[in-house]
Amino acid sequence: MRIGDAAAAAGTTPRALRFYEQRGLLPPSWRTTSGQREYEPEDVARVRIVREMLALGLTVEDVAALAEGLHVFEGDALPEQEVPEHARTPAAADVFGNRLAALDAEIARLTRLRERIATCHAQLATAPTPD
């Protein structure tokens, strides 16, 4: 299928497909004799997995580090419950572990920010109103 059809099937844009290919998230597409990109259903499934990983908060660099192993996921989505045994690699554990640590740090930062705002709000809410 051509790039526009593949992008629509994956829920993205042709520009995103070119970007994913350029960044190594998607293998180079097959080209017609006229130079147009052609995609297989497996490519569309891979793009859906890439998009799901990005939606989880992984960076493009994170997904690129895992790109060679994305073929192990069957279908077009990450597993809901259990990661397949053949997808459990030290590299994948490192990527997900690093992202988890970054999320924990961001949650801690936001918690501190919320506490400061809550303190200010409490003081402002109990302040006497000017006449």
N, C-alpha and C. Protein backbone atom coordinates (compact mmCIF):
# COMPACT_ATOMS: atom_id res chain seq x y z
N MET A 1 0.85 -1.17 0.00
CA MET A 1 0.00 0.00 0.00
C MET A 1 0.89 1.23 0.00
N ARG A 2 0.39 2.29 -0.60
CA ARG A 2 1.14 3.53 -0.69
C ARG A 2 1.17 4.25 0.66
N ILE A 3 2.03 5.25 0.77
CA ILE A 3 2.28 5.90 2.04
C ILE A 3 1.02 6.53 2.65
N GLY A 4 0.17 7.15 1.83
CA GLY A 4 -1.04 7.77 2.36
C GLY A 4 -2.00 6.74 2.94
N ASP A 5 -2.14 5.62 2.26
CA ASP A 5 -3.01 4.56 2.75
C ASP A 5 -2.44 3.93 4.01
N ALA A 6 -1.12 3.71 4.03
CA ALA A 6 -0.49 3.13 5.21
C ALA A 6 -0.61 4.06 6.42
N ALA A 7 -0.41 5.34 6.19
CA ALA A 7 -0.52 6.31 7.28
C ALA A 7 -1.95 6.33 7.83
N ALA A 8 -2.92 6.34 6.95
CA ALA A 8 -4.32 6.35 7.39
C ALA A 8 -4.65 5.08 8.17
N ALA A 9 -4.16 3.95 7.70
CA ALA A 9 -4.42 2.68 8.39
C ALA A 9 -3.77 2.64 9.77
N ALA A 10 -2.65 3.33 9.92
CA ALA A 10 -1.94 3.35 11.21
C ALA A 10 -2.40 4.49 12.10
N GLY A 11 -3.26 5.37 11.58
CA GLY A 11 -3.74 6.48 12.38
C GLY A 11 -2.74 7.61 12.50
N THR A 12 -1.96 7.83 11.48
CA THR A 12 -0.95 8.88 11.52
C THR A 12 -0.87 9.57 10.16
N THR A 13 0.21 10.25 9.91
CA THR A 13 0.37 11.00 8.66
C THR A 13 1.53 10.44 7.84
N PRO A 14 1.54 10.72 6.55
CA PRO A 14 2.69 10.31 5.74
C PRO A 14 4.00 10.93 6.26
N ARG A 15 3.91 12.14 6.72
CA ARG A 15 5.11 12.81 7.26
C ARG A 15 5.66 12.03 8.45
N ALA A 16 4.77 11.53 9.33
CA ALA A 16 5.21 10.74 10.48
C ALA A 16 5.88 9.45 10.02
N LEU A 17 5.34 8.80 8.99
CA LEU A 17 5.96 7.57 8.49
C LEU A 17 7.37 7.84 7.98
N ARG A 18 7.53 8.93 7.25
CA ARG A 18 8.86 9.28 6.76
C ARG A 18 9.81 9.56 7.94
N PHE A 19 9.29 10.26 8.96
CA PHE A 19 10.08 10.56 10.15
C PHE A 19 10.48 9.27 10.87
N TYR A 20 9.53 8.34 11.06
CA TYR A 20 9.83 7.08 11.73
C TYR A 20 10.90 6.30 10.97
N GLU A 21 10.79 6.31 9.66
CA GLU A 21 11.77 5.62 8.83
C GLU A 21 13.13 6.29 8.97
N GLN A 22 13.15 7.60 8.94
CA GLN A 22 14.40 8.36 9.04
C GLN A 22 15.09 8.12 10.38
N ARG A 23 14.31 7.97 11.44
CA ARG A 23 14.86 7.81 12.79
C ARG A 23 15.11 6.34 13.16
N GLY A 24 14.83 5.42 12.24
CA GLY A 24 15.11 4.02 12.47
C GLY A 24 14.03 3.27 13.23
N LEU A 25 12.86 3.89 13.41
CA LEU A 25 11.76 3.22 14.10
C LEU A 25 11.02 2.27 13.17
N LEU A 26 11.14 2.54 11.90
CA LEU A 26 10.49 1.76 10.85
C LEU A 26 11.56 1.42 9.82
N PRO A 27 11.65 0.17 9.41
CA PRO A 27 12.68 -0.15 8.41
C PRO A 27 12.41 0.58 7.10
N PRO A 28 13.45 0.80 6.31
CA PRO A 28 13.24 1.49 5.03
C PRO A 28 12.17 0.79 4.21
N SER A 29 11.29 1.58 3.66
CA SER A 29 10.19 1.03 2.87
C SER A 29 10.69 0.56 1.51
N TRP A 30 9.94 -0.37 0.98
CA TRP A 30 10.20 -0.82 -0.38
C TRP A 30 9.77 0.29 -1.31
N ARG A 31 10.48 0.50 -2.41
CA ARG A 31 10.15 1.56 -3.36
C ARG A 31 9.75 0.97 -4.71
N THR A 32 8.77 1.62 -5.31
CA THR A 32 8.37 1.23 -6.67
C THR A 32 9.43 1.74 -7.64
N THR A 33 9.32 1.35 -8.88
CA THR A 33 10.28 1.82 -9.88
C THR A 33 10.22 3.34 -10.04
N SER A 34 9.07 3.93 -9.70
CA SER A 34 8.95 5.39 -9.79
C SER A 34 9.37 6.06 -8.48
N GLY A 35 9.83 5.27 -7.50
CA GLY A 35 10.35 5.84 -6.25
C GLY A 35 9.33 6.02 -5.14
N GLN A 36 8.09 5.59 -5.37
CA GLN A 36 7.07 5.74 -4.33
C GLN A 36 7.23 4.66 -3.27
N ARG A 37 7.02 5.06 -2.03
CA ARG A 37 7.12 4.12 -0.92
C ARG A 37 5.93 3.15 -0.94
N GLU A 38 6.23 1.89 -0.62
CA GLU A 38 5.20 0.86 -0.50
C GLU A 38 5.34 0.22 0.88
N TYR A 39 4.21 -0.02 1.52
CA TYR A 39 4.20 -0.59 2.87
C TYR A 39 3.37 -1.86 2.90
N GLU A 40 3.76 -2.75 3.78
CA GLU A 40 3.06 -4.01 4.01
C GLU A 40 2.22 -3.87 5.28
N PRO A 41 1.25 -4.77 5.49
CA PRO A 41 0.46 -4.73 6.73
C PRO A 41 1.33 -4.82 7.99
N GLU A 42 2.46 -5.54 7.91
CA GLU A 42 3.37 -5.64 9.05
C GLU A 42 3.96 -4.28 9.41
N ASP A 43 4.19 -3.45 8.39
CA ASP A 43 4.71 -2.10 8.63
C ASP A 43 3.68 -1.25 9.37
N VAL A 44 2.43 -1.38 8.97
CA VAL A 44 1.34 -0.64 9.62
C VAL A 44 1.23 -1.07 11.08
N ALA A 45 1.31 -2.38 11.32
CA ALA A 45 1.24 -2.90 12.69
C ALA A 45 2.40 -2.35 13.52
N ARG A 46 3.57 -2.30 12.93
CA ARG A 46 4.75 -1.76 13.64
C ARG A 46 4.56 -0.29 13.97
N VAL A 47 4.00 0.47 13.05
CA VAL A 47 3.77 1.89 13.31
C VAL A 47 2.79 2.06 14.48
N ARG A 48 1.78 1.21 14.53
CA ARG A 48 0.83 1.28 15.65
C ARG A 48 1.52 1.01 16.98
N ILE A 49 2.44 0.05 17.00
CA ILE A 49 3.19 -0.24 18.23
C ILE A 49 4.10 0.93 18.58
N VAL A 50 4.77 1.51 17.59
CA VAL A 50 5.62 2.67 17.82
C VAL A 50 4.80 3.80 18.41
N ARG A 51 3.65 4.07 17.85
CA ARG A 51 2.79 5.16 18.34
C ARG A 51 2.31 4.88 19.76
N GLU A 52 2.03 3.62 20.06
CA GLU A 52 1.60 3.27 21.42
C GLU A 52 2.74 3.49 22.41
N MET A 53 3.96 3.12 22.02
CA MET A 53 5.11 3.33 22.90
C MET A 53 5.34 4.83 23.13
N LEU A 54 5.20 5.62 22.08
CA LEU A 54 5.36 7.07 22.23
C LEU A 54 4.26 7.64 23.12
N ALA A 55 3.05 7.10 22.99
CA ALA A 55 1.94 7.57 23.83
C ALA A 55 2.16 7.21 25.29
N LEU A 56 2.91 6.15 25.57
CA LEU A 56 3.24 5.77 26.94
C LEU A 56 4.26 6.71 27.56
N GLY A 57 4.85 7.57 26.75
CA GLY A 57 5.84 8.50 27.27
C GLY A 57 7.26 8.16 26.90
N LEU A 58 7.45 7.06 26.18
CA LEU A 58 8.80 6.76 25.71
C LEU A 58 9.19 7.80 24.67
N THR A 59 10.46 8.11 24.60
CA THR A 59 10.93 9.07 23.61
C THR A 59 11.23 8.37 22.29
N VAL A 60 11.43 9.14 21.25
CA VAL A 60 11.82 8.57 19.96
C VAL A 60 13.12 7.80 20.12
N GLU A 61 14.04 8.33 20.92
CA GLU A 61 15.31 7.66 21.15
C GLU A 61 15.11 6.33 21.87
N ASP A 62 14.18 6.31 22.85
CA ASP A 62 13.87 5.07 23.55
C ASP A 62 13.38 4.01 22.57
N VAL A 63 12.43 4.39 21.74
CA VAL A 63 11.85 3.44 20.79
C VAL A 63 12.90 3.01 19.77
N ALA A 64 13.76 3.94 19.35
CA ALA A 64 14.82 3.58 18.40
C ALA A 64 15.76 2.54 19.01
N ALA A 65 16.01 2.65 20.32
CA ALA A 65 16.87 1.67 20.98
C ALA A 65 16.23 0.27 20.98
N LEU A 66 14.91 0.23 20.89
CA LEU A 66 14.18 -1.04 20.90
C LEU A 66 13.76 -1.48 19.50
N ALA A 67 14.03 -0.68 18.49
CA ALA A 67 13.48 -0.88 17.15
C ALA A 67 13.75 -2.26 16.58
N GLU A 68 14.94 -2.80 16.81
CA GLU A 68 15.25 -4.11 16.23
C GLU A 68 14.41 -5.22 16.83
N GLY A 69 13.86 -5.01 18.01
CA GLY A 69 13.07 -6.05 18.65
C GLY A 69 11.57 -5.86 18.54
N LEU A 70 11.12 -4.83 17.85
CA LEU A 70 9.68 -4.58 17.77
C LEU A 70 8.93 -5.66 17.01
N HIS A 71 9.62 -6.38 16.17
CA HIS A 71 8.96 -7.44 15.38
C HIS A 71 8.43 -8.58 16.26
N VAL A 72 8.92 -8.67 17.51
CA VAL A 72 8.48 -9.78 18.36
C VAL A 72 7.06 -9.60 18.89
N PHE A 73 6.54 -8.38 18.82
CA PHE A 73 5.18 -8.16 19.27
C PHE A 73 4.21 -8.59 18.18
N GLU A 74 3.32 -9.47 18.54
CA GLU A 74 2.34 -9.96 17.57
C GLU A 74 1.19 -8.98 17.51
N GLY A 75 0.66 -8.78 16.32
CA GLY A 75 -0.45 -7.85 16.17
C GLY A 75 0.04 -6.42 16.09
N ASP A 76 -0.85 -5.51 16.46
CA ASP A 76 -0.52 -4.10 16.29
C ASP A 76 -0.63 -3.32 17.60
N ALA A 77 -0.46 -4.01 18.73
CA ALA A 77 -0.52 -3.33 20.02
C ALA A 77 0.40 -4.02 21.01
N LEU A 78 0.81 -3.27 22.00
CA LEU A 78 1.59 -3.85 23.08
C LEU A 78 0.68 -4.74 23.91
N PRO A 79 1.24 -5.75 24.55
CA PRO A 79 0.41 -6.62 25.38
C PRO A 79 -0.17 -5.87 26.58
N GLU A 80 -1.41 -6.17 26.91
CA GLU A 80 -2.08 -5.52 28.04
C GLU A 80 -1.55 -6.02 29.37
N GLN A 81 -1.32 -7.31 29.49
CA GLN A 81 -0.98 -7.91 30.77
C GLN A 81 0.49 -8.31 30.87
N GLU A 82 0.92 -9.16 29.99
CA GLU A 82 2.24 -9.75 30.14
C GLU A 82 3.05 -9.61 28.86
N VAL A 83 4.27 -9.14 29.01
CA VAL A 83 5.18 -9.02 27.87
C VAL A 83 5.63 -10.43 27.49
N PRO A 84 5.56 -10.77 26.20
CA PRO A 84 5.98 -12.10 25.79
C PRO A 84 7.43 -12.39 26.20
N GLU A 85 7.69 -13.62 26.53
CA GLU A 85 9.03 -14.03 26.98
C GLU A 85 10.11 -13.60 26.00
N HIS A 86 9.87 -13.77 24.71
CA HIS A 86 10.89 -13.45 23.71
C HIS A 86 11.11 -11.94 23.54
N ALA A 87 10.28 -11.10 24.17
CA ALA A 87 10.46 -9.65 24.10
C ALA A 87 11.19 -9.11 25.32
N ARG A 88 11.43 -9.97 26.28
CA ARG A 88 12.08 -9.55 27.54
C ARG A 88 13.59 -9.58 27.37
N THR A 89 14.14 -8.40 27.13
CA THR A 89 15.59 -8.28 26.93
C THR A 89 16.15 -7.26 27.92
N PRO A 90 17.44 -7.36 28.22
CA PRO A 90 18.06 -6.36 29.09
C PRO A 90 17.92 -4.94 28.53
N ALA A 91 18.03 -4.79 27.22
CA ALA A 91 17.91 -3.46 26.61
C ALA A 91 16.52 -2.89 26.83
N ALA A 92 15.50 -3.72 26.65
CA ALA A 92 14.12 -3.26 26.85
C ALA A 92 13.89 -2.92 28.32
N ALA A 93 14.42 -3.74 29.22
CA ALA A 93 14.28 -3.46 30.65
C ALA A 93 14.95 -2.14 31.00
N ASP A 94 16.12 -1.86 30.43
CA ASP A 94 16.81 -0.60 30.68
C ASP A 94 16.00 0.60 30.19
N VAL A 95 15.47 0.50 28.98
CA VAL A 95 14.68 1.61 28.42
C VAL A 95 13.46 1.88 29.27
N PHE A 96 12.72 0.84 29.60
CA PHE A 96 11.51 1.03 30.40
C PHE A 96 11.85 1.46 31.83
N GLY A 97 12.94 0.93 32.37
CA GLY A 97 13.37 1.33 33.71
C GLY A 97 13.77 2.80 33.77
N ASN A 98 14.50 3.25 32.76
CA ASN A 98 14.89 4.66 32.70
C ASN A 98 13.68 5.57 32.57
N ARG A 99 12.72 5.17 31.76
CA ARG A 99 11.51 5.98 31.57
C ARG A 99 10.70 6.00 32.86
N LEU A 100 10.64 4.87 33.55
CA LEU A 100 9.93 4.81 34.82
C LEU A 100 10.58 5.73 35.85
N ALA A 101 11.91 5.74 35.90
CA ALA A 101 12.62 6.63 36.83
C ALA A 101 12.34 8.09 36.48
N ALA A 102 12.31 8.42 35.20
CA ALA A 102 12.00 9.79 34.79
C ALA A 102 10.58 10.18 35.18
N LEU A 103 9.65 9.26 35.03
CA LEU A 103 8.26 9.53 35.44
C LEU A 103 8.17 9.73 36.95
N ASP A 104 8.86 8.89 37.71
CA ASP A 104 8.85 9.03 39.16
C ASP A 104 9.42 10.38 39.58
N ALA A 105 10.49 10.82 38.94
CA ALA A 105 11.08 12.12 39.25
C ALA A 105 10.11 13.24 38.91
N GLU A 106 9.41 13.12 37.80
CA GLU A 106 8.43 14.15 37.40
C GLU A 106 7.25 14.17 38.36
N ILE A 107 6.80 13.01 38.78
CA ILE A 107 5.71 12.94 39.76
C ILE A 107 6.14 13.61 41.07
N ALA A 108 7.36 13.35 41.52
CA ALA A 108 7.86 13.97 42.75
C ALA A 108 7.93 15.49 42.58
N ARG A 109 8.40 15.96 41.43
CA ARG A 109 8.47 17.40 41.18
C ARG A 109 7.08 18.02 41.19
N LEU A 110 6.14 17.38 40.54
CA LEU A 110 4.77 17.90 40.49
C LEU A 110 4.11 17.86 41.87
N THR A 111 4.43 16.85 42.66
CA THR A 111 3.89 16.76 44.02
C THR A 111 4.38 17.93 44.86
N ARG A 112 5.67 18.25 44.75
CA ARG A 112 6.22 19.41 45.48
C ARG A 112 5.56 20.70 45.00
N LEU A 113 5.38 20.83 43.71
CA LEU A 113 4.73 22.02 43.15
C LEU A 113 3.30 22.13 43.66
N ARG A 114 2.58 21.03 43.69
CA ARG A 114 1.21 21.04 44.16
C ARG A 114 1.15 21.46 45.63
N GLU A 115 2.08 20.96 46.43
CA GLU A 115 2.10 21.32 47.85
C GLU A 115 2.32 22.82 48.03
N ARG A 116 3.21 23.38 47.25
CA ARG A 116 3.46 24.83 47.34
C ARG A 116 2.23 25.63 46.93
N ILE A 117 1.59 25.21 45.85
CA ILE A 117 0.39 25.91 45.39
C ILE A 117 -0.74 25.76 46.41
N ALA A 118 -0.89 24.56 46.98
CA ALA A 118 -1.93 24.34 47.99
C ALA A 118 -1.69 25.21 49.21
N THR A 119 -0.45 25.36 49.62
CA THR A 119 -0.13 26.23 50.76
C THR A 119 -0.50 27.67 50.45
N CYS A 120 -0.11 28.15 49.28
CA CYS A 120 -0.46 29.52 48.88
C CYS A 120 -1.97 29.69 48.82
N HIS A 121 -2.65 28.74 48.25
CA HIS A 121 -4.10 28.83 48.13
C HIS A 121 -4.76 28.88 49.50
N ALA A 122 -4.30 28.03 50.43
CA ALA A 122 -4.88 28.01 51.77
C ALA A 122 -4.69 29.36 52.47
N GLN A 123 -3.52 29.93 52.29
CA GLN A 123 -3.25 31.24 52.93
C GLN A 123 -4.09 32.33 52.28
N LEU A 124 -4.23 32.28 50.97
CA LEU A 124 -5.01 33.31 50.28
C LEU A 124 -6.51 33.15 50.55
N ALA A 125 -6.98 31.93 50.70
CA ALA A 125 -8.39 31.69 50.92
C ALA A 125 -8.83 32.12 52.31
N THR A 126 -7.90 32.15 53.26
CA THR A 126 -8.25 32.56 54.64
C THR A 126 -7.86 33.99 54.93
N ALA A 127 -7.30 34.68 53.95
CA ALA A 127 -6.89 36.07 54.16
C ALA A 127 -8.14 36.95 54.27
N PRO A 128 -8.07 37.98 55.15
CA PRO A 128 -9.23 38.87 55.25
C PRO A 128 -9.44 39.61 53.92
N THR A 129 -10.69 39.84 53.59
CA THR A 129 -11.01 40.55 52.36
C THR A 129 -10.90 42.05 52.60
N PRO A 130 -10.27 42.76 51.70
CA PRO A 130 -10.14 44.21 51.87
C PRO A 130 -11.50 44.91 51.72
N ASP A 131 -11.66 45.96 52.49
CA ASP A 131 -12.93 46.72 52.44
C ASP A 131 -12.93 47.71 51.32
